[in-house]
C-alpha cells in the first residue's frame, strides 16, 4: 500500500494527473460521471483475492476460450450465465513509454463480481463457474470492448472492475507477465440507478456505506485516473469507458493482495 500511495504522490507532483483537480470537487465525494481522460499512468492496484489468473490457485487464463468479448456466460466445461443490467466496458490502452501511443496487441484481462456480489471460481455457489472473466486483444487504437453486466456493490468496497494488461496474448500464460494491474471505479449516479433494479437489493445499503474518498483502493485521490464515464439506461444497458495509460518502462507494483 505504501508503494502504491507513493507512486500516486509522484504522479500528482509531476502534474501528470491533470484530471485530479476537476474530479476532486465532484468525484471524490459524489462519484459523478464526469469525463475522465487518462493523462498519466494508471495506478497499480491489488488484484484482490479473486483474480483467477493462476497467482493464487484458479487459472482461467489457461483455459481455451478465455479470449472473448462477451463474458456474461461461463465457457469450457462450465455453464451458467450471470444476470443483471447490461453493460459494455471499453478500455483504451496507451503506452506512456512509447510516447502515449496506442498499445495495439496488448492483452487485457477483465474480471468483476456478479449482481449478487460474488466472484466466479471463488465465491460460494459459483465456484464451478467462470463467468464475468475474459480477455480481449487491443486493436490498432489500443481499444478493447467487453459485453457484461453491471457489477454489484458489496460491503466495504466502491463498485469496481478489475483488469490486468499484458504485452500480448502469449503473455497471459503467466500472471507475472502483467505490465499493469488496476481497477475501474464506476460512477455513483449510475450505480444508484442500477441498484434500484431487482436483484441488486443488497447493493443499495452497501453503496450508502462507502465513498470514493474512503475506499481502500481509490480513496487517496478519489480515483482520479480510474473513474469511468458511463452513458445509457437500465433497459438498453450502460456503456462504460476509461482511457488507461500504462508504462511498460517501469516495474509494476500491483498484483495479488488482500483487498477485494
C-alpha atoms as a PDB file:
ATOM      1  CA  UNK A   1       0.000   0.000   0.000  1.00  0.00           C
ATOM      2  CA  UNK A   2       2.835   2.399   0.820  1.00  0.00           C
ATOM      3  CA  UNK A   3       4.385   1.784  -2.590  1.00  0.00           C
ATOM      4  CA  UNK A   4       1.083   2.380  -4.343  1.00  0.00           C
ATOM      5  CA  UNK A   5       0.397   5.624  -2.480  1.00  0.00           C
ATOM      6  CA  UNK A   6       3.944   6.792  -3.082  1.00  0.00           C
ATOM      7  CA  UNK A   7       3.606   6.308  -6.817  1.00  0.00           C
ATOM      8  CA  UNK A   8       0.396   8.302  -6.878  1.00  0.00           C
ATOM      9  CA  UNK A   9       2.003  11.168  -4.991  1.00  0.00           C
ATOM     10  CA  UNK A  10       4.811  11.247  -7.514  1.00  0.00           C
ATOM     11  CA  UNK A  11       2.296  11.377 -10.369  1.00  0.00           C
ATOM     12  CA  UNK A  12       0.461  14.276  -8.780  1.00  0.00           C
ATOM     13  CA  UNK A  13       3.694  16.122  -8.018  1.00  0.00           C
ATOM     14  CA  UNK A  14       4.696  15.867 -11.673  1.00  0.00           C
ATOM     15  CA  UNK A  15       1.318  17.149 -12.783  1.00  0.00           C
ATOM     16  CA  UNK A  16       0.550  14.007 -14.762  1.00  0.00           C
ATOM     17  CA  UNK A  17      -2.921  13.526 -13.374  1.00  0.00           C
ATOM     18  CA  UNK A  18      -4.465  16.771 -14.614  1.00  0.00           C
ATOM     19  CA  UNK A  19      -7.979  15.448 -14.197  1.00  0.00           C
ATOM     20  CA  UNK A  20      -7.486  15.210 -10.438  1.00  0.00           C
ATOM     21  CA  UNK A  21      -8.373  18.861  -9.896  1.00  0.00           C
ATOM     22  CA  UNK A  22     -11.705  18.555 -11.679  1.00  0.00           C
ATOM     23  CA  UNK A  23     -12.579  15.259 -10.056  1.00  0.00           C
ATOM     24  CA  UNK A  24     -11.513  16.224  -6.562  1.00  0.00           C
ATOM     25  CA  UNK A  25     -14.502  18.553  -6.380  1.00  0.00           C
ATOM     26  CA  UNK A  26     -17.109  16.187  -7.843  1.00  0.00           C
ATOM     27  CA  UNK A  27     -15.593  12.701  -7.963  1.00  0.00           C
ATOM     28  CA  UNK A  28     -14.132  12.118  -4.535  1.00  0.00           C
ATOM     29  CA  UNK A  29     -17.406  12.511  -2.730  1.00  0.00           C
ATOM     30  CA  UNK A  30     -20.068  12.316  -5.423  1.00  0.00           C
ATOM     31  CA  UNK A  31     -18.565   9.857  -7.890  1.00  0.00           C
ATOM     32  CA  UNK A  32     -20.286  11.579 -10.826  1.00  0.00           C
ATOM     33  CA  UNK A  33     -19.998  10.506 -14.444  1.00  0.00           C
ATOM     34  CA  UNK A  34     -17.773  13.458 -15.374  1.00  0.00           C
ATOM     35  CA  UNK A  35     -15.488  12.529 -18.261  1.00  0.00           C
ATOM     36  CA  UNK A  36     -12.138  11.065 -17.297  1.00  0.00           C
ATOM     37  CA  UNK A  37      -9.123  11.495 -19.561  1.00  0.00           C
ATOM     38  CA  UNK A  38      -6.047   9.491 -18.664  1.00  0.00           C
ATOM     39  CA  UNK A  39      -3.038  11.792 -18.838  1.00  0.00           C
ATOM     40  CA  UNK A  40      -0.788   9.721 -16.627  1.00  0.00           C
ATOM     41  CA  UNK A  41      -0.013   6.173 -15.629  1.00  0.00           C
ATOM     42  CA  UNK A  42      -2.998   4.380 -14.176  1.00  0.00           C
ATOM     43  CA  UNK A  43      -2.188   3.494 -10.544  1.00  0.00           C
ATOM     44  CA  UNK A  44      -1.083  -0.063  -9.875  1.00  0.00           C
ATOM     45  CA  UNK A  45      -3.557  -1.759  -7.559  1.00  0.00           C
ATOM     46  CA  UNK A  46      -4.061  -5.073  -5.843  1.00  0.00           C
ATOM     47  CA  UNK A  47      -5.609  -7.824  -7.929  1.00  0.00           C
ATOM     48  CA  UNK A  48      -7.515  -8.796  -4.798  1.00  0.00           C
ATOM     49  CA  UNK A  49      -8.140 -12.317  -3.546  1.00  0.00           C
ATOM     50  CA  UNK A  50     -10.181 -13.430  -6.580  1.00  0.00           C
ATOM     51  CA  UNK A  51      -8.007 -12.851  -9.663  1.00  0.00           C
ATOM     52  CA  UNK A  52      -8.393 -16.260 -11.297  1.00  0.00           C
ATOM     53  CA  UNK A  53      -5.088 -15.678 -13.093  1.00  0.00           C
ATOM     54  CA  UNK A  54      -3.211 -18.581 -11.516  1.00  0.00           C
ATOM     55  CA  UNK A  55      -1.473 -16.430  -8.915  1.00  0.00           C
ATOM     56  CA  UNK A  56      -3.425 -17.966  -6.032  1.00  0.00           C
ATOM     57  CA  UNK A  57      -4.923 -21.154  -7.451  1.00  0.00           C
ATOM     58  CA  UNK A  58      -7.687 -20.953 -10.087  1.00  0.00           C
ATOM     59  CA  UNK A  59      -6.373 -20.058 -13.540  1.00  0.00           C
ATOM     60  CA  UNK A  60      -8.988 -19.097 -16.107  1.00  0.00           C
ATOM     61  CA  UNK A  61      -6.251 -17.675 -18.345  1.00  0.00           C
ATOM     62  CA  UNK A  62      -5.028 -21.175 -19.140  1.00  0.00           C
ATOM     63  CA  UNK A  63      -8.419 -22.230 -20.489  1.00  0.00           C
ATOM     64  CA  UNK A  64      -9.230 -22.338 -24.189  1.00  0.00           C
ATOM     65  CA  UNK A  65     -11.928 -19.785 -24.977  1.00  0.00           C
ATOM     66  CA  UNK A  66     -10.920 -17.147 -22.437  1.00  0.00           C
ATOM     67  CA  UNK A  67     -10.239 -14.687 -25.266  1.00  0.00           C
ATOM     68  CA  UNK A  68     -13.792 -13.476 -25.832  1.00  0.00           C
ATOM     69  CA  UNK A  69     -15.759 -10.241 -25.858  1.00  0.00           C
ATOM     70  CA  UNK A  70     -18.995 -11.418 -24.179  1.00  0.00           C
ATOM     71  CA  UNK A  71     -18.154 -12.501 -20.645  1.00  0.00           C
ATOM     72  CA  UNK A  72     -21.671 -12.918 -19.276  1.00  0.00           C
ATOM     73  CA  UNK A  73     -21.688 -16.718 -19.568  1.00  0.00           C
ATOM     74  CA  UNK A  74     -19.293 -19.382 -18.388  1.00  0.00           C
ATOM     75  CA  UNK A  75     -17.327 -21.291 -21.011  1.00  0.00           C
ATOM     76  CA  UNK A  76     -15.440 -24.550 -21.460  1.00  0.00           C
ATOM     77  CA  UNK A  77     -16.631 -27.224 -19.046  1.00  0.00           C
ATOM     78  CA  UNK A  78     -18.627 -24.671 -17.047  1.00  0.00           C
ATOM     79  CA  UNK A  79     -22.162 -23.480 -17.742  1.00  0.00           C
ATOM     80  CA  UNK A  80     -24.256 -20.678 -16.367  1.00  0.00           C
ATOM     81  CA  UNK A  81     -24.953 -17.037 -17.155  1.00  0.00           C
ATOM     82  CA  UNK A  82     -24.672 -14.001 -14.904  1.00  0.00           C
ATOM     83  CA  UNK A  83     -27.846 -11.907 -14.845  1.00  0.00           C
ATOM     84  CA  UNK A  84     -28.016  -8.155 -14.406  1.00  0.00           C
ATOM     85  CA  UNK A  85     -28.298  -4.776 -16.112  1.00  0.00           C
ATOM     86  CA  UNK A  86     -26.363  -4.935 -19.410  1.00  0.00           C
ATOM     87  CA  UNK A  87     -23.005  -3.177 -19.559  1.00  0.00           C
ATOM     88  CA  UNK A  88     -20.290  -2.762 -22.162  1.00  0.00           C
ATOM     89  CA  UNK A  89     -16.822  -1.850 -20.961  1.00  0.00           C
ATOM     90  CA  UNK A  90     -14.393  -0.057 -23.278  1.00  0.00           C
ATOM     91  CA  UNK A  91     -10.777   0.370 -22.195  1.00  0.00           C
ATOM     92  CA  UNK A  92      -8.379   2.295 -24.421  1.00  0.00           C
ATOM     93  CA  UNK A  93      -4.807   1.356 -23.567  1.00  0.00           C
ATOM     94  CA  UNK A  94      -1.841   3.619 -24.304  1.00  0.00           C
ATOM     95  CA  UNK A  95       1.841   3.015 -23.557  1.00  0.00           C
ATOM     96  CA  UNK A  96       3.486   6.012 -21.915  1.00  0.00           C
ATOM     97  CA  UNK A  97       6.925   4.510 -22.552  1.00  0.00           C
ATOM     98  CA  UNK A  98       6.143   4.844 -26.265  1.00  0.00           C
ATOM     99  CA  UNK A  99       5.068   8.462 -26.036  1.00  0.00           C
ATOM    100  CA  UNK A 100       1.480   7.628 -25.147  1.00  0.00           C
ATOM    101  CA  UNK A 101       0.817   5.793 -28.399  1.00  0.00           C
ATOM    102  CA  UNK A 102      -1.893   3.153 -28.698  1.00  0.00           C
ATOM    103  CA  UNK A 103      -0.866  -0.162 -27.140  1.00  0.00           C
ATOM    104  CA  UNK A 104      -2.010  -2.278 -30.094  1.00  0.00           C
ATOM    105  CA  UNK A 105      -1.859  -6.023 -29.485  1.00  0.00           C
ATOM    106  CA  UNK A 106      -1.932  -5.753 -25.688  1.00  0.00           C
ATOM    107  CA  UNK A 107      -3.976  -8.467 -23.983  1.00  0.00           C
ATOM    108  CA  UNK A 108      -6.395  -7.107 -21.375  1.00  0.00           C
ATOM    109  CA  UNK A 109      -7.889  -9.463 -18.803  1.00  0.00           C
ATOM    110  CA  UNK A 110     -11.044  -8.189 -17.070  1.00  0.00           C
ATOM    111  CA  UNK A 111     -12.996  -9.657 -14.157  1.00  0.00           C
ATOM    112  CA  UNK A 112     -15.629  -8.421 -11.715  1.00  0.00           C
ATOM    113  CA  UNK A 113     -18.285  -9.588  -9.295  1.00  0.00           C
ATOM    114  CA  UNK A 114     -21.833 -10.651 -10.123  1.00  0.00           C
ATOM    115  CA  UNK A 115     -25.116  -8.861  -9.421  1.00  0.00           C
ATOM    116  CA  UNK A 116     -25.129 -10.718  -6.110  1.00  0.00           C
ATOM    117  CA  UNK A 117     -21.574  -9.636  -5.234  1.00  0.00           C
ATOM    118  CA  UNK A 118     -19.827 -12.985  -5.746  1.00  0.00           C
ATOM    119  CA  UNK A 119     -16.794 -13.878  -7.851  1.00  0.00           C
ATOM    120  CA  UNK A 120     -16.824 -16.916 -10.108  1.00  0.00           C
ATOM    121  CA  UNK A 121     -14.216 -19.605  -9.283  1.00  0.00           C
ATOM    122  CA  UNK A 122     -14.175 -18.480  -5.623  1.00  0.00           C
ATOM    123  CA  UNK A 123     -17.493 -17.456  -4.045  1.00  0.00           C
ATOM    124  CA  UNK A 124     -19.931 -19.901  -2.507  1.00  0.00           C
ATOM    125  CA  UNK A 125     -22.310 -21.298  -5.090  1.00  0.00           C
ATOM    126  CA  UNK A 126     -20.303 -20.171  -8.138  1.00  0.00           C
ATOM    127  CA  UNK A 127     -17.008 -21.970  -7.550  1.00  0.00           C
ATOM    128  CA  UNK A 128     -17.742 -24.089 -10.628  1.00  0.00           C
ATOM    129  CA  UNK A 129     -18.433 -21.058 -12.851  1.00  0.00           C
ATOM    130  CA  UNK A 130     -16.021 -18.814 -14.775  1.00  0.00           C
ATOM    131  CA  UNK A 131     -18.392 -16.105 -15.995  1.00  0.00           C
ATOM    132  CA  UNK A 132     -17.565 -12.388 -15.791  1.00  0.00           C
ATOM    133  CA  UNK A 133     -13.965 -13.124 -16.789  1.00  0.00           C
ATOM    134  CA  UNK A 134     -12.349 -12.735 -20.180  1.00  0.00           C
ATOM    135  CA  UNK A 135      -9.509 -11.423 -22.326  1.00  0.00           C
ATOM    136  CA  UNK A 136      -9.560  -9.123 -25.331  1.00  0.00           C
ATOM    137  CA  UNK A 137      -6.692  -8.098 -27.613  1.00  0.00           C
ATOM    138  CA  UNK A 138      -6.321  -4.356 -28.186  1.00  0.00           C
ATOM    139  CA  UNK A 139      -6.973  -3.160 -31.724  1.00  0.00           C
ATOM    140  CA  UNK A 140      -4.874  -0.639 -33.657  1.00  0.00           C
ATOM    141  CA  UNK A 141      -6.237   2.189 -31.493  1.00  0.00           C
ATOM    142  CA  UNK A 142      -5.458   0.305 -28.262  1.00  0.00           C
ATOM    143  CA  UNK A 143      -9.133  -0.380 -27.566  1.00  0.00           C
ATOM    144  CA  UNK A 144     -10.812  -3.440 -26.093  1.00  0.00           C
ATOM    145  CA  UNK A 145     -14.542  -3.933 -25.522  1.00  0.00           C
ATOM    146  CA  UNK A 146     -16.304  -6.374 -23.228  1.00  0.00           C
ATOM    147  CA  UNK A 147     -20.014  -7.159 -23.022  1.00  0.00           C
ATOM    148  CA  UNK A 148     -21.029  -7.891 -19.454  1.00  0.00           C
ATOM    149  CA  UNK A 149     -23.457  -6.955 -16.678  1.00  0.00           C
ATOM    150  CA  UNK A 150     -23.181  -4.104 -14.194  1.00  0.00           C
ATOM    151  CA  UNK A 151     -21.441  -5.430 -11.051  1.00  0.00           C
ATOM    152  CA  UNK A 152     -22.779  -5.169  -7.520  1.00  0.00           C
ATOM    153  CA  UNK A 153     -21.541  -3.047  -4.668  1.00  0.00           C
ATOM    154  CA  UNK A 154     -20.519  -5.416  -1.915  1.00  0.00           C
ATOM    155  CA  UNK A 155     -19.746  -4.485   1.672  1.00  0.00           C
ATOM    156  CA  UNK A 156     -16.649  -2.366   2.185  1.00  0.00           C
ATOM    157  CA  UNK A 157     -15.730  -1.570  -1.446  1.00  0.00           C
ATOM    158  CA  UNK A 158     -16.654   1.035  -4.006  1.00  0.00           C
ATOM    159  CA  UNK A 159     -18.182  -0.595  -7.150  1.00  0.00           C
ATOM    160  CA  UNK A 160     -15.357  -1.562  -9.469  1.00  0.00           C
ATOM    161  CA  UNK A 161     -13.961  -3.737 -12.250  1.00  0.00           C
ATOM    162  CA  UNK A 162     -10.524  -5.381 -12.083  1.00  0.00           C
ATOM    163  CA  UNK A 163      -8.150  -5.596 -15.024  1.00  0.00           C
ATOM    164  CA  UNK A 164      -4.644  -6.702 -15.933  1.00  0.00           C
ATOM    165  CA  UNK A 165      -2.721  -5.587 -19.018  1.00  0.00           C
ATOM    166  CA  UNK A 166      -0.289  -7.993 -20.692  1.00  0.00           C
ATOM    167  CA  UNK A 167       2.100  -7.165 -23.552  1.00  0.00           C
ATOM    168  CA  UNK A 168       0.436  -9.709 -25.877  1.00  0.00           C
ATOM    169  CA  UNK A 169      -1.828 -12.745 -25.896  1.00  0.00           C
ATOM    170  CA  UNK A 170       1.000 -15.234 -25.331  1.00  0.00           C
ATOM    171  CA  UNK A 171       1.968 -13.440 -22.118  1.00  0.00           C
ATOM    172  CA  UNK A 172      -1.282 -14.344 -20.308  1.00  0.00           C
ATOM    173  CA  UNK A 173       0.211 -17.785 -19.654  1.00  0.00           C
ATOM    174  CA  UNK A 174       1.875 -16.323 -16.546  1.00  0.00           C
ATOM    175  CA  UNK A 175       0.337 -13.649 -14.282  1.00  0.00           C
ATOM    176  CA  UNK A 176       3.850 -12.382 -13.548  1.00  0.00           C
ATOM    177  CA  UNK A 177       3.944 -11.060 -17.124  1.00  0.00           C
ATOM    178  CA  UNK A 178       1.308  -8.387 -16.444  1.00  0.00           C
ATOM    179  CA  UNK A 179       2.649  -4.891 -17.105  1.00  0.00           C
ATOM    180  CA  UNK A 180      -0.177  -3.268 -15.140  1.00  0.00           C
ATOM    181  CA  UNK A 181      -2.843  -4.314 -12.655  1.00  0.00           C
ATOM    182  CA  UNK A 182      -5.554  -1.837 -11.755  1.00  0.00           C
ATOM    183  CA  UNK A 183      -9.266  -1.238 -11.198  1.00  0.00           C
ATOM    184  CA  UNK A 184     -12.020   0.819 -12.825  1.00  0.00           C
ATOM    185  CA  UNK A 185     -14.225   2.874 -10.480  1.00  0.00           C
ATOM    186  CA  UNK A 186     -17.878   3.115 -11.504  1.00  0.00           C
ATOM    187  CA  UNK A 187     -19.734   6.468 -11.246  1.00  0.00           C
ATOM    188  CA  UNK A 188     -22.066   6.901  -8.300  1.00  0.00           C
ATOM    189  CA  UNK A 189     -25.025   8.406 -10.147  1.00  0.00           C
ATOM    190  CA  UNK A 190     -25.229   5.416 -12.482  1.00  0.00           C
ATOM    191  CA  UNK A 191     -24.726   2.950  -9.624  1.00  0.00           C
ATOM    192  CA  UNK A 192     -27.688   4.446  -7.767  1.00  0.00           C
ATOM    193  CA  UNK A 193     -29.958   3.987 -10.782  1.00  0.00           C
ATOM    194  CA  UNK A 194     -28.805   0.430 -11.460  1.00  0.00           C
ATOM    195  CA  UNK A 195     -29.056  -0.663  -7.847  1.00  0.00           C
ATOM    196  CA  UNK A 196     -32.743   0.289  -7.761  1.00  0.00           C
ATOM    197  CA  UNK A 197     -33.328  -2.630 -10.145  1.00  0.00           C
ATOM    198  CA  UNK A 198     -34.419  -6.119  -8.972  1.00  0.00           C
ATOM    199  CA  UNK A 199     -31.537  -8.368  -7.967  1.00  0.00           C
ATOM    200  CA  UNK A 200     -29.330  -5.547  -6.712  1.00  0.00           C
ATOM    201  CA  UNK A 201     -31.120  -5.036  -3.397  1.00  0.00           C
ATOM    202  CA  UNK A 202     -28.048  -5.644  -1.221  1.00  0.00           C
ATOM    203  CA  UNK A 203     -26.052  -3.090  -3.212  1.00  0.00           C
ATOM    204  CA  UNK A 204     -28.301  -0.204  -2.115  1.00  0.00           C
ATOM    205  CA  UNK A 205     -27.226  -0.319   1.517  1.00  0.00           C
ATOM    206  CA  UNK A 206     -23.647  -1.253   0.686  1.00  0.00           C
ATOM    207  CA  UNK A 207     -23.263   1.780  -1.589  1.00  0.00           C
ATOM    208  CA  UNK A 208     -24.690   4.061   1.077  1.00  0.00           C
ATOM    209  CA  UNK A 209     -21.961   2.891   3.459  1.00  0.00           C
ATOM    210  CA  UNK A 210     -18.963   3.616   1.194  1.00  0.00           C
ATOM    211  CA  UNK A 211     -17.469   6.528  -0.735  1.00  0.00           C
ATOM    212  CA  UNK A 212     -14.751   7.036  -3.316  1.00  0.00           C
ATOM    213  CA  UNK A 213     -12.785   9.150  -0.855  1.00  0.00           C
ATOM    214  CA  UNK A 214     -12.993   6.444   1.806  1.00  0.00           C
ATOM    215  CA  UNK A 215     -12.361   3.435  -0.423  1.00  0.00           C
ATOM    216  CA  UNK A 216      -9.197   1.463   0.369  1.00  0.00           C
ATOM    217  CA  UNK A 217      -8.194   1.415  -3.317  1.00  0.00           C
ATOM    218  CA  UNK A 218      -9.471   4.668  -4.824  1.00  0.00           C
ATOM    219  CA  UNK A 219      -9.521   6.722  -1.636  1.00  0.00           C
ATOM    220  CA  UNK A 220      -6.239   8.612  -1.679  1.00  0.00           C
ATOM    221  CA  UNK A 221      -7.084  10.528  -4.876  1.00  0.00           C
ATOM    222  CA  UNK A 222     -10.770   9.843  -5.489  1.00  0.00           C
ATOM    223  CA  UNK A 223      -9.961   7.545  -8.407  1.00  0.00           C
ATOM    224  CA  UNK A 224      -8.706  10.473 -10.482  1.00  0.00           C
ATOM    225  CA  UNK A 225      -7.331   8.288 -13.273  1.00  0.00           C
ATOM    226  CA  UNK A 226      -9.721   5.384 -12.699  1.00  0.00           C
ATOM    227  CA  UNK A 227     -13.221   6.887 -12.602  1.00  0.00           C
ATOM    228  CA  UNK A 228     -15.018   5.753 -15.747  1.00  0.00           C
ATOM    229  CA  UNK A 229     -17.624   7.549 -17.808  1.00  0.00           C
ATOM    230  CA  UNK A 230     -20.992   5.853 -18.230  1.00  0.00           C
ATOM    231  CA  UNK A 231     -23.932   6.565 -20.518  1.00  0.00           C
ATOM    232  CA  UNK A 232     -27.161   4.698 -21.173  1.00  0.00           C
ATOM    233  CA  UNK A 233     -30.084   3.368 -19.165  1.00  0.00           C
ATOM    234  CA  UNK A 234     -31.152   0.220 -17.364  1.00  0.00           C
ATOM    235  CA  UNK A 235     -33.172  -1.074 -20.322  1.00  0.00           C
ATOM    236  CA  UNK A 236     -30.648  -0.670 -23.139  1.00  0.00           C
ATOM    237  CA  UNK A 237     -27.683  -1.019 -20.801  1.00  0.00           C
ATOM    238  CA  UNK A 238     -24.744   1.200 -19.957  1.00  0.00           C
ATOM    239  CA  UNK A 239     -21.624   1.964 -21.951  1.00  0.00           C
ATOM    240  CA  UNK A 240     -18.724   2.349 -19.527  1.00  0.00           C
ATOM    241  CA  UNK A 241     -15.360   3.614 -20.762  1.00  0.00           C
ATOM    242  CA  UNK A 242     -11.940   4.589 -19.462  1.00  0.00           C
ATOM    243  CA  UNK A 243      -8.670   5.688 -21.038  1.00  0.00           C
ATOM    244  CA  UNK A 244      -5.824   3.722 -19.437  1.00  0.00           C
ATOM    245  CA  UNK A 245      -2.212   4.807 -19.549  1.00  0.00           C
ATOM    246  CA  UNK A 246       0.385   2.139 -18.743  1.00  0.00           C
ATOM    247  CA  UNK A 247       4.161   2.444 -18.690  1.00  0.00           C
ATOM    248  CA  UNK A 248       5.971  -0.606 -19.977  1.00  0.00           C
ATOM    249  CA  UNK A 249       9.248   1.027 -18.981  1.00  0.00           C
ATOM    250  CA  UNK A 250       8.539   0.808 -15.238  1.00  0.00           C
ATOM    251  CA  UNK A 251       8.386  -2.151 -12.871  1.00  0.00           C
ATOM    252  CA  UNK A 252       4.732  -2.913 -11.996  1.00  0.00           C
ATOM    253  CA  UNK A 253       3.918  -2.804  -8.294  1.00  0.00           C
ATOM    254  CA  UNK A 254       0.352  -4.108  -8.299  1.00  0.00           C
ATOM    255  CA  UNK A 255      -0.953  -7.641  -8.284  1.00  0.00           C
ATOM    256  CA  UNK A 256      -2.049 -10.053  -5.590  1.00  0.00           C
ATOM    257  CA  UNK A 257      -3.228  -8.762  -2.249  1.00  0.00           C
ATOM    258  CA  UNK A 258      -5.995  -8.946   0.339  1.00  0.00           C
ATOM    259  CA  UNK A 259      -8.130  -6.043  -0.896  1.00  0.00           C
ATOM    260  CA  UNK A 260     -11.310  -7.143  -2.657  1.00  0.00           C
END
